[in-house]
Protein backbone atom coordinates (compact mmCIF):
# COMPACT_ATOMS: atom_id res chain seq x y z
CA MET A 1 0.00 0.00 0.00
CA VAL A 2 1.38 3.39 -1.06
CA TYR A 3 0.63 6.42 1.08
CA ASP A 4 0.44 9.91 -0.32
CA PRO A 5 2.53 12.17 1.96
CA SER A 6 0.48 15.27 1.10
CA ALA A 7 -2.78 13.47 1.99
CA LEU A 8 -1.28 12.27 5.29
CA LEU A 9 -0.11 15.80 6.09
CA ARG A 10 -3.53 17.24 5.22
CA GLU A 11 -5.29 14.70 7.46
CA PHE A 12 -2.81 15.28 10.29
CA ILE A 13 -3.36 19.04 10.10
CA THR A 14 -7.13 18.52 10.05
CA LEU A 15 -6.96 16.41 13.22
CA LEU A 16 -4.54 18.84 14.86
CA VAL A 17 -6.90 21.76 14.23
CA VAL A 18 -10.01 19.87 15.34
CA ILE A 19 -8.45 18.40 18.49
CA ASP A 20 -6.98 21.83 19.36
CA PRO A 21 -4.24 20.93 21.86
CA ILE A 22 -3.47 24.60 22.55
CA GLY A 23 -7.13 25.27 23.36
CA SER A 24 -7.12 22.32 25.77
CA LEU A 25 -4.34 23.81 27.89
CA PRO A 26 -6.63 26.09 29.97
CA VAL A 27 -8.87 23.11 30.72
CA PHE A 28 -5.78 21.10 31.77
CA TYR A 29 -4.47 23.91 33.99
CA PHE A 30 -7.79 24.38 35.77
CA ALA A 31 -8.34 20.62 36.10
CA THR A 32 -4.93 20.09 37.67
CA ALA A 33 -5.05 23.13 39.96
CA ALA A 34 -6.26 21.07 42.94
CA VAL A 35 -4.27 17.94 42.00
CA PRO A 36 -0.81 17.47 43.55
CA ALA A 37 2.02 18.33 41.14
CA ALA A 38 3.31 14.74 41.25
CA LEU A 39 0.07 13.55 39.61
CA HIS A 40 0.06 16.00 36.69
CA TRP A 41 1.77 13.54 34.32
CA ARG A 42 -0.61 10.75 35.29
CA PHE A 43 -3.51 13.14 34.82
CA ALA A 44 -2.36 14.10 31.30
CA LEU A 45 -1.60 10.48 30.34
CA ARG A 46 -5.00 9.32 31.52
CA ALA A 47 -6.75 12.07 29.56
CA VAL A 48 -4.85 11.29 26.36
CA LEU A 49 -5.40 7.54 26.77
CA VAL A 50 -9.15 7.94 27.27
CA ALA A 51 -9.38 10.33 24.30
CA TRP A 52 -7.37 7.89 22.15
CA ILE A 53 -9.67 4.99 23.08
CA VAL A 54 -12.76 7.05 22.23
CA LEU A 55 -11.34 8.17 18.88
CA MET A 56 -10.23 4.63 18.00
CA ALA A 57 -13.71 3.35 18.82
CA PHE A 58 -15.17 5.91 16.43
CA LEU A 59 -12.55 4.96 13.86
CA VAL A 60 -13.59 1.29 13.98
CA VAL A 61 -17.32 1.55 14.65
CA GLY A 62 -18.17 4.88 13.00
CA GLN A 63 -18.73 3.63 9.47
CA LEU A 64 -20.60 0.55 10.71
CA LEU A 65 -22.87 2.76 12.79
CA LEU A 66 -23.61 4.98 9.81
CA GLU A 67 -24.52 1.97 7.69
CA GLY A 68 -26.65 0.54 10.50
CA LEU A 69 -28.61 3.80 10.73
CA GLY A 70 -29.08 3.86 6.97
CA LEU A 71 -27.19 7.12 6.47
CA ARG A 72 -25.24 7.59 3.27
CA PHE A 73 -21.63 8.60 3.75
CA GLY A 74 -21.98 11.60 1.41
CA SER A 75 -24.74 13.04 3.59
CA PHE A 76 -22.57 12.54 6.66
CA GLN A 77 -19.66 14.28 4.94
CA ILE A 78 -21.81 17.30 4.10
CA ALA A 79 -23.18 17.52 7.63
CA GLY A 80 -19.68 16.98 9.02
CA GLY A 81 -18.30 19.75 6.84
CA ILE A 82 -20.94 22.11 8.19
CA VAL A 83 -20.12 21.14 11.80
CA LEU A 84 -16.37 21.57 11.20
CA PHE A 85 -17.06 24.95 9.57
CA LEU A 86 -19.03 26.02 12.65
CA PHE A 87 -16.17 24.84 14.92
CA ALA A 88 -13.76 26.91 12.80
CA LEU A 89 -15.99 29.97 13.12
CA THR A 90 -16.11 29.64 16.90
CA MET A 91 -12.32 29.28 16.98
CA ILE A 92 -11.96 32.49 14.96
CA PHE A 93 -14.71 34.63 16.49
CA GLY A 94 -15.35 33.08 19.90
CA GLU A 95 -13.78 31.13 22.70
CA SER A 96 -11.88 27.98 21.72
CA LYS A 97 -13.21 25.99 24.66
CA PRO A 98 -16.53 26.58 26.41
CA GLU A 99 -16.40 28.12 29.86
CA ARG A 100 -18.43 25.18 31.17
CA GLU A 101 -15.53 22.81 30.45
CA ILE A 102 -13.12 25.00 32.38
CA GLU A 103 -15.52 25.34 35.33
CA GLU A 104 -16.11 21.58 35.54
CA ALA A 105 -12.37 20.94 35.48
CA GLY A 106 -12.03 22.13 39.09
CA ARG A 107 -11.96 18.71 40.70
CA SER A 108 -9.46 17.42 43.23
CA ASP A 109 -8.90 13.91 41.85
CA LEU A 110 -8.06 12.21 38.55
CA SER A 111 -11.70 12.06 37.45
CA GLY A 112 -11.17 15.43 35.79
CA ALA A 113 -8.81 13.71 33.37
CA THR A 114 -11.76 11.91 31.81
CA PHE A 115 -14.33 14.69 31.92
CA PRO A 116 -13.93 17.47 30.78
CA LEU A 117 -10.32 17.03 29.59
CA ALA A 118 -10.45 13.79 27.58
CA MET A 119 -14.05 14.26 26.55
CA PRO A 120 -15.21 16.73 25.24
CA SER A 121 -11.99 18.77 25.16
CA ILE A 122 -9.54 16.41 23.40
CA ALA A 123 -11.95 13.85 21.91
CA SER A 124 -14.51 16.47 20.95
CA PRO A 125 -17.50 15.83 18.72
CA GLY A 126 -15.55 17.51 15.93
CA ALA A 127 -12.61 15.14 16.41
CA MET A 128 -14.92 12.12 16.39
CA LEU A 129 -16.55 13.40 13.24
CA ALA A 130 -13.20 14.10 11.59
CA VAL A 131 -11.93 10.59 12.36
CA VAL A 132 -14.96 9.03 10.70
CA VAL A 133 -14.93 11.39 7.71
CA LEU A 134 -11.16 11.20 7.08
CA THR A 135 -10.89 7.43 7.24
CA ASP A 136 -14.14 6.13 5.76
CA ASN A 137 -12.93 2.83 7.38
CA HIS A 138 -10.08 2.40 4.90
């Protein structure tokens, strides 16, 4: 199988923009404010691991779910493009992460690594949508 480097770069940039690691930093800082400094690495690793599992589940099951619901992939791509466009507009004209995510991050244990940091901050609906649209289960 031959991979096109420009397509891989385009898909990587799409995922990087949709996941928005820079926009997740305020959520991480607020979520770890009450957590001891020694647990910050565990906190970040747990958040990334949970987000990775969620995105991999959408990668594997996303196309099957669409077919099970009777949705055509072209319709999903159009709707996904509209959602990604709206995410881009909020990144340009509004806040990159909702205030609710930052407020709910103020927990004193590692549960904040799962919500709101892993989901919906890292593995956001836009990232789940992008994974399904970019792969089409190929």
